[in-house]
């Protein structure tokens, strides 16, 4: 159990998932160099033409964990319509080979 806690803390300390603008559907990964200077790493999810990641959708509070059983990074997030009437969870995965910074496929 202690090993998992150390890994989770390391991930949180090294990476921040964020959206650059409240109306833009992009989930970015950034890493701090010194907790003051942050470096862009990758767009993990971007706006799609339709569906959960489509226009007029809310995607927020992404979280990422590593699933060692299937060797994938798993991101889950809050998915909703613009009126916050759905309150659903969304899931995306990335292979271990890509690492936490790789591209994610929305399921």
C-alpha atoms as a PDB file:
ATOM      1  CA  UNK A   1       0.000   0.000   0.000  1.00  0.00           C
ATOM      2  CA  UNK A   2       2.813   2.428   0.762  1.00  0.00           C
ATOM      3  CA  UNK A   3       4.260   2.018  -2.755  1.00  0.00           C
ATOM      4  CA  UNK A   4       0.959   3.073  -4.333  1.00  0.00           C
ATOM      5  CA  UNK A   5       0.834   6.198  -2.187  1.00  0.00           C
ATOM      6  CA  UNK A   6       4.347   7.188  -3.226  1.00  0.00           C
ATOM      7  CA  UNK A   7       3.512   6.716  -6.914  1.00  0.00           C
ATOM      8  CA  UNK A   8       0.309   8.764  -6.629  1.00  0.00           C
ATOM      9  CA  UNK A   9       2.120  11.561  -4.820  1.00  0.00           C
ATOM     10  CA  UNK A  10       4.859  11.594  -7.463  1.00  0.00           C
ATOM     11  CA  UNK A  11       2.289  11.873 -10.275  1.00  0.00           C
ATOM     12  CA  UNK A  12       0.478  14.723  -8.551  1.00  0.00           C
ATOM     13  CA  UNK A  13       3.724  16.526  -7.856  1.00  0.00           C
ATOM     14  CA  UNK A  14       4.973  16.277 -11.445  1.00  0.00           C
ATOM     15  CA  UNK A  15       1.859  16.804 -13.530  1.00  0.00           C
ATOM     16  CA  UNK A  16      -1.174  19.038 -13.651  1.00  0.00           C
ATOM     17  CA  UNK A  17      -4.173  18.360 -15.856  1.00  0.00           C
ATOM     18  CA  UNK A  18      -5.937  21.533 -16.847  1.00  0.00           C
ATOM     19  CA  UNK A  19      -8.070  23.298 -19.389  1.00  0.00           C
ATOM     20  CA  UNK A  20      -6.614  26.588 -20.660  1.00  0.00           C
ATOM     21  CA  UNK A  21     -10.006  28.253 -21.023  1.00  0.00           C
ATOM     22  CA  UNK A  22     -13.381  27.413 -19.440  1.00  0.00           C
ATOM     23  CA  UNK A  23     -15.101  27.273 -22.848  1.00  0.00           C
ATOM     24  CA  UNK A  24     -12.383  25.249 -24.613  1.00  0.00           C
ATOM     25  CA  UNK A  25     -12.532  21.499 -24.404  1.00  0.00           C
ATOM     26  CA  UNK A  26      -8.874  20.638 -24.109  1.00  0.00           C
ATOM     27  CA  UNK A  27      -7.192  18.725 -21.322  1.00  0.00           C
ATOM     28  CA  UNK A  28      -3.518  19.635 -21.150  1.00  0.00           C
ATOM     29  CA  UNK A  29      -0.715  18.062 -19.198  1.00  0.00           C
ATOM     30  CA  UNK A  30       1.879  20.433 -17.780  1.00  0.00           C
ATOM     31  CA  UNK A  31       4.915  19.777 -15.578  1.00  0.00           C
ATOM     32  CA  UNK A  32       6.633  22.173 -13.188  1.00  0.00           C
ATOM     33  CA  UNK A  33      10.333  22.831 -13.455  1.00  0.00           C
ATOM     34  CA  UNK A  34      10.485  24.581 -10.100  1.00  0.00           C
ATOM     35  CA  UNK A  35       6.824  24.990  -8.989  1.00  0.00           C
ATOM     36  CA  UNK A  36       6.864  28.492 -10.510  1.00  0.00           C
ATOM     37  CA  UNK A  37       7.733  27.742 -14.140  1.00  0.00           C
ATOM     38  CA  UNK A  38       5.435  25.260 -15.885  1.00  0.00           C
ATOM     39  CA  UNK A  39       6.088  23.518 -19.202  1.00  0.00           C
ATOM     40  CA  UNK A  40       3.401  22.341 -21.634  1.00  0.00           C
ATOM     41  CA  UNK A  41       3.747  18.588 -22.305  1.00  0.00           C
ATOM     42  CA  UNK A  42       0.772  17.407 -24.385  1.00  0.00           C
ATOM     43  CA  UNK A  43      -2.913  17.863 -25.188  1.00  0.00           C
ATOM     44  CA  UNK A  44      -4.339  14.646 -23.765  1.00  0.00           C
ATOM     45  CA  UNK A  45      -7.934  15.156 -24.989  1.00  0.00           C
ATOM     46  CA  UNK A  46      -9.278  17.725 -27.444  1.00  0.00           C
ATOM     47  CA  UNK A  47     -12.600  18.949 -28.759  1.00  0.00           C
ATOM     48  CA  UNK A  48     -14.459  16.445 -30.962  1.00  0.00           C
ATOM     49  CA  UNK A  49     -17.146  17.113 -33.577  1.00  0.00           C
ATOM     50  CA  UNK A  50     -19.886  15.549 -31.413  1.00  0.00           C
ATOM     51  CA  UNK A  51     -20.543  13.336 -28.397  1.00  0.00           C
ATOM     52  CA  UNK A  52     -19.267  13.772 -24.841  1.00  0.00           C
ATOM     53  CA  UNK A  53     -16.228  15.726 -26.055  1.00  0.00           C
ATOM     54  CA  UNK A  54     -18.236  17.761 -28.560  1.00  0.00           C
ATOM     55  CA  UNK A  55     -19.237  21.434 -28.666  1.00  0.00           C
ATOM     56  CA  UNK A  56     -21.279  22.859 -25.774  1.00  0.00           C
ATOM     57  CA  UNK A  57     -20.096  20.121 -23.413  1.00  0.00           C
ATOM     58  CA  UNK A  58     -18.494  20.434 -19.979  1.00  0.00           C
ATOM     59  CA  UNK A  59     -15.411  18.345 -19.254  1.00  0.00           C
ATOM     60  CA  UNK A  60     -13.743  19.056 -15.927  1.00  0.00           C
ATOM     61  CA  UNK A  61     -11.808  17.682 -12.957  1.00  0.00           C
ATOM     62  CA  UNK A  62      -9.731  15.055 -14.798  1.00  0.00           C
ATOM     63  CA  UNK A  63      -7.852  12.496 -12.689  1.00  0.00           C
ATOM     64  CA  UNK A  64      -5.298   9.941 -13.897  1.00  0.00           C
ATOM     65  CA  UNK A  65      -4.194   6.673 -12.298  1.00  0.00           C
ATOM     66  CA  UNK A  66      -2.085   3.794 -13.568  1.00  0.00           C
ATOM     67  CA  UNK A  67      -3.825   0.401 -13.805  1.00  0.00           C
ATOM     68  CA  UNK A  68      -1.039  -2.184 -13.532  1.00  0.00           C
ATOM     69  CA  UNK A  69      -3.456  -5.076 -14.207  1.00  0.00           C
ATOM     70  CA  UNK A  70      -3.953  -4.004 -17.832  1.00  0.00           C
ATOM     71  CA  UNK A  71      -0.894  -1.712 -18.133  1.00  0.00           C
ATOM     72  CA  UNK A  72      -2.875   1.417 -19.000  1.00  0.00           C
ATOM     73  CA  UNK A  73      -3.158   4.949 -17.744  1.00  0.00           C
ATOM     74  CA  UNK A  74      -6.813   5.650 -16.951  1.00  0.00           C
ATOM     75  CA  UNK A  75      -8.275   9.147 -16.876  1.00  0.00           C
ATOM     76  CA  UNK A  76     -11.714   9.804 -15.493  1.00  0.00           C
ATOM     77  CA  UNK A  77     -13.512  13.120 -15.502  1.00  0.00           C
ATOM     78  CA  UNK A  78     -16.839  14.870 -14.995  1.00  0.00           C
ATOM     79  CA  UNK A  79     -18.821  15.074 -18.279  1.00  0.00           C
ATOM     80  CA  UNK A  80     -21.933  17.208 -18.559  1.00  0.00           C
ATOM     81  CA  UNK A  81     -24.082  19.363 -20.797  1.00  0.00           C
ATOM     82  CA  UNK A  82     -23.854  23.153 -20.591  1.00  0.00           C
ATOM     83  CA  UNK A  83     -26.766  23.268 -18.100  1.00  0.00           C
ATOM     84  CA  UNK A  84     -25.124  20.674 -15.804  1.00  0.00           C
ATOM     85  CA  UNK A  85     -28.154  18.415 -16.202  1.00  0.00           C
ATOM     86  CA  UNK A  86     -26.395  15.080 -16.836  1.00  0.00           C
ATOM     87  CA  UNK A  87     -23.631  14.752 -14.194  1.00  0.00           C
ATOM     88  CA  UNK A  88     -21.858  11.796 -15.817  1.00  0.00           C
ATOM     89  CA  UNK A  89     -18.381  10.316 -15.585  1.00  0.00           C
ATOM     90  CA  UNK A  90     -16.156   9.975 -18.637  1.00  0.00           C
ATOM     91  CA  UNK A  91     -13.203   7.604 -19.053  1.00  0.00           C
ATOM     92  CA  UNK A  92     -10.182   7.694 -21.367  1.00  0.00           C
ATOM     93  CA  UNK A  93      -7.145   5.405 -21.519  1.00  0.00           C
ATOM     94  CA  UNK A  94      -3.553   5.543 -22.710  1.00  0.00           C
ATOM     95  CA  UNK A  95      -1.175   2.612 -23.072  1.00  0.00           C
ATOM     96  CA  UNK A  96       1.679   2.224 -20.617  1.00  0.00           C
ATOM     97  CA  UNK A  97       4.109   2.583 -23.530  1.00  0.00           C
ATOM     98  CA  UNK A  98       2.880   6.162 -24.020  1.00  0.00           C
ATOM     99  CA  UNK A  99       3.257   6.977 -20.335  1.00  0.00           C
ATOM    100  CA  UNK A 100       1.051   9.422 -18.482  1.00  0.00           C
ATOM    101  CA  UNK A 101       1.943  12.072 -21.066  1.00  0.00           C
ATOM    102  CA  UNK A 102       0.664  10.091 -24.061  1.00  0.00           C
ATOM    103  CA  UNK A 103      -2.483  10.519 -26.116  1.00  0.00           C
ATOM    104  CA  UNK A 104      -5.704   9.205 -24.577  1.00  0.00           C
ATOM    105  CA  UNK A 105      -8.613   7.435 -26.262  1.00  0.00           C
ATOM    106  CA  UNK A 106     -12.025   8.432 -24.918  1.00  0.00           C
ATOM    107  CA  UNK A 107     -14.176   5.364 -24.259  1.00  0.00           C
END
